[in-house]
């Protein structure tokens, strides 16, 4: 069977970005509003792997989605978590 011109080899639409490192490790679909994507890009899988090993994906998700954490402080929180995870792993 021939593939249509609108899909890639893996059934993705052309131009679709690869999943972030978190979604790739967790083997899930990376949505356009993925909370992990801005902080764990696909080209740096070691970052999320070490954070996941120390804190777990659920806890990292909770840390990034804290209501009192403003969007300005969120990148700092993600960097701090990544540094801690890398150091402790």
C-alpha atoms as a PDB file:
ATOM      1  CA  UNK A   1       0.000   0.000   0.000  1.00  0.00           C
ATOM      2  CA  UNK A   2       1.261   3.452  -0.863  1.00  0.00           C
ATOM      3  CA  UNK A   3       1.487   6.146   1.830  1.00  0.00           C
ATOM      4  CA  UNK A   4      -0.276   9.406   1.197  1.00  0.00           C
ATOM      5  CA  UNK A   5       1.787  12.523   0.636  1.00  0.00           C
ATOM      6  CA  UNK A   6       0.487  14.095   3.859  1.00  0.00           C
ATOM      7  CA  UNK A   7       2.015  11.555   6.211  1.00  0.00           C
ATOM      8  CA  UNK A   8       5.591  10.713   7.064  1.00  0.00           C
ATOM      9  CA  UNK A   9       7.085   7.310   7.637  1.00  0.00           C
ATOM     10  CA  UNK A  10       5.719   6.996  11.163  1.00  0.00           C
ATOM     11  CA  UNK A  11       2.213   8.210  10.399  1.00  0.00           C
ATOM     12  CA  UNK A  12       2.957  11.776  11.443  1.00  0.00           C
ATOM     13  CA  UNK A  13       1.943  14.781   9.417  1.00  0.00           C
ATOM     14  CA  UNK A  14       4.726  16.510   7.547  1.00  0.00           C
ATOM     15  CA  UNK A  15       6.319  19.256   9.589  1.00  0.00           C
ATOM     16  CA  UNK A  16       5.331  17.666  12.901  1.00  0.00           C
ATOM     17  CA  UNK A  17       8.045  18.090  15.497  1.00  0.00           C
ATOM     18  CA  UNK A  18       9.554  15.127  17.255  1.00  0.00           C
ATOM     19  CA  UNK A  19       8.312  14.493  20.785  1.00  0.00           C
ATOM     20  CA  UNK A  20      10.101  16.148  23.684  1.00  0.00           C
ATOM     21  CA  UNK A  21      12.603  14.121  25.695  1.00  0.00           C
ATOM     22  CA  UNK A  22      10.044  13.473  28.440  1.00  0.00           C
ATOM     23  CA  UNK A  23       7.356  12.134  26.123  1.00  0.00           C
ATOM     24  CA  UNK A  24       9.916  10.065  24.256  1.00  0.00           C
ATOM     25  CA  UNK A  25      11.167   8.442  27.482  1.00  0.00           C
ATOM     26  CA  UNK A  26       7.637   7.956  28.814  1.00  0.00           C
ATOM     27  CA  UNK A  27       6.527   6.604  25.411  1.00  0.00           C
ATOM     28  CA  UNK A  28       3.541   8.863  25.063  1.00  0.00           C
ATOM     29  CA  UNK A  29       2.235  11.292  22.485  1.00  0.00           C
ATOM     30  CA  UNK A  30       3.647  14.805  22.890  1.00  0.00           C
ATOM     31  CA  UNK A  31       0.807  17.295  22.568  1.00  0.00           C
ATOM     32  CA  UNK A  32       1.243  20.887  21.469  1.00  0.00           C
ATOM     33  CA  UNK A  33       0.609  22.039  25.060  1.00  0.00           C
ATOM     34  CA  UNK A  34       2.957  19.532  26.735  1.00  0.00           C
ATOM     35  CA  UNK A  35       4.222  20.940  30.033  1.00  0.00           C
ATOM     36  CA  UNK A  36       7.615  19.231  29.604  1.00  0.00           C
ATOM     37  CA  UNK A  37       8.396  20.320  26.026  1.00  0.00           C
ATOM     38  CA  UNK A  38       9.742  23.842  26.726  1.00  0.00           C
ATOM     39  CA  UNK A  39      12.195  22.543  29.329  1.00  0.00           C
ATOM     40  CA  UNK A  40      13.201  19.109  28.020  1.00  0.00           C
ATOM     41  CA  UNK A  41      13.846  19.344  24.252  1.00  0.00           C
ATOM     42  CA  UNK A  42      14.163  16.212  22.155  1.00  0.00           C
ATOM     43  CA  UNK A  43      17.870  16.791  21.521  1.00  0.00           C
ATOM     44  CA  UNK A  44      18.724  16.626  25.257  1.00  0.00           C
ATOM     45  CA  UNK A  45      17.228  13.331  26.498  1.00  0.00           C
ATOM     46  CA  UNK A  46      19.798  12.962  29.302  1.00  0.00           C
ATOM     47  CA  UNK A  47      18.302  15.954  31.125  1.00  0.00           C
ATOM     48  CA  UNK A  48      14.871  14.427  31.577  1.00  0.00           C
ATOM     49  CA  UNK A  49      16.278  10.948  32.163  1.00  0.00           C
ATOM     50  CA  UNK A  50      18.251  12.123  35.193  1.00  0.00           C
ATOM     51  CA  UNK A  51      15.368  14.233  36.548  1.00  0.00           C
ATOM     52  CA  UNK A  52      12.963  11.322  36.060  1.00  0.00           C
ATOM     53  CA  UNK A  53      15.337   8.952  37.854  1.00  0.00           C
ATOM     54  CA  UNK A  54      15.537  11.195  40.941  1.00  0.00           C
ATOM     55  CA  UNK A  55      12.116  12.852  41.164  1.00  0.00           C
ATOM     56  CA  UNK A  56       9.782  10.833  38.920  1.00  0.00           C
ATOM     57  CA  UNK A  57       7.728  12.202  36.043  1.00  0.00           C
ATOM     58  CA  UNK A  58       4.612  12.813  38.118  1.00  0.00           C
ATOM     59  CA  UNK A  59       6.455  14.940  40.677  1.00  0.00           C
ATOM     60  CA  UNK A  60       8.231  16.971  37.983  1.00  0.00           C
ATOM     61  CA  UNK A  61       4.874  17.538  36.311  1.00  0.00           C
ATOM     62  CA  UNK A  62       3.432  18.756  39.613  1.00  0.00           C
ATOM     63  CA  UNK A  63       6.408  21.057  40.194  1.00  0.00           C
ATOM     64  CA  UNK A  64       6.030  22.640  36.768  1.00  0.00           C
ATOM     65  CA  UNK A  65       2.287  23.124  37.176  1.00  0.00           C
ATOM     66  CA  UNK A  66       2.248  24.692  40.637  1.00  0.00           C
ATOM     67  CA  UNK A  67      -0.429  27.348  40.602  1.00  0.00           C
ATOM     68  CA  UNK A  68       1.590  29.805  42.672  1.00  0.00           C
ATOM     69  CA  UNK A  69       4.578  29.405  40.336  1.00  0.00           C
ATOM     70  CA  UNK A  70       4.391  32.230  37.841  1.00  0.00           C
ATOM     71  CA  UNK A  71       5.300  31.649  34.212  1.00  0.00           C
ATOM     72  CA  UNK A  72       8.331  33.891  34.790  1.00  0.00           C
ATOM     73  CA  UNK A  73       9.731  31.627  37.534  1.00  0.00           C
ATOM     74  CA  UNK A  74       8.831  28.343  35.835  1.00  0.00           C
ATOM     75  CA  UNK A  75      12.011  28.162  33.678  1.00  0.00           C
ATOM     76  CA  UNK A  76      14.143  28.791  36.778  1.00  0.00           C
ATOM     77  CA  UNK A  77      12.326  25.990  38.597  1.00  0.00           C
ATOM     78  CA  UNK A  78      12.865  23.635  35.650  1.00  0.00           C
ATOM     79  CA  UNK A  79      16.581  24.495  35.470  1.00  0.00           C
ATOM     80  CA  UNK A  80      16.998  24.024  39.212  1.00  0.00           C
ATOM     81  CA  UNK A  81      15.227  20.662  39.078  1.00  0.00           C
ATOM     82  CA  UNK A  82      17.377  19.569  36.135  1.00  0.00           C
ATOM     83  CA  UNK A  83      20.587  20.585  37.901  1.00  0.00           C
ATOM     84  CA  UNK A  84      19.555  18.763  41.076  1.00  0.00           C
ATOM     85  CA  UNK A  85      18.549  15.666  39.154  1.00  0.00           C
ATOM     86  CA  UNK A  86      21.804  15.593  37.223  1.00  0.00           C
ATOM     87  CA  UNK A  87      23.857  16.035  40.379  1.00  0.00           C
ATOM     88  CA  UNK A  88      21.996  13.346  42.331  1.00  0.00           C
ATOM     89  CA  UNK A  89      21.636  10.766  39.555  1.00  0.00           C
END
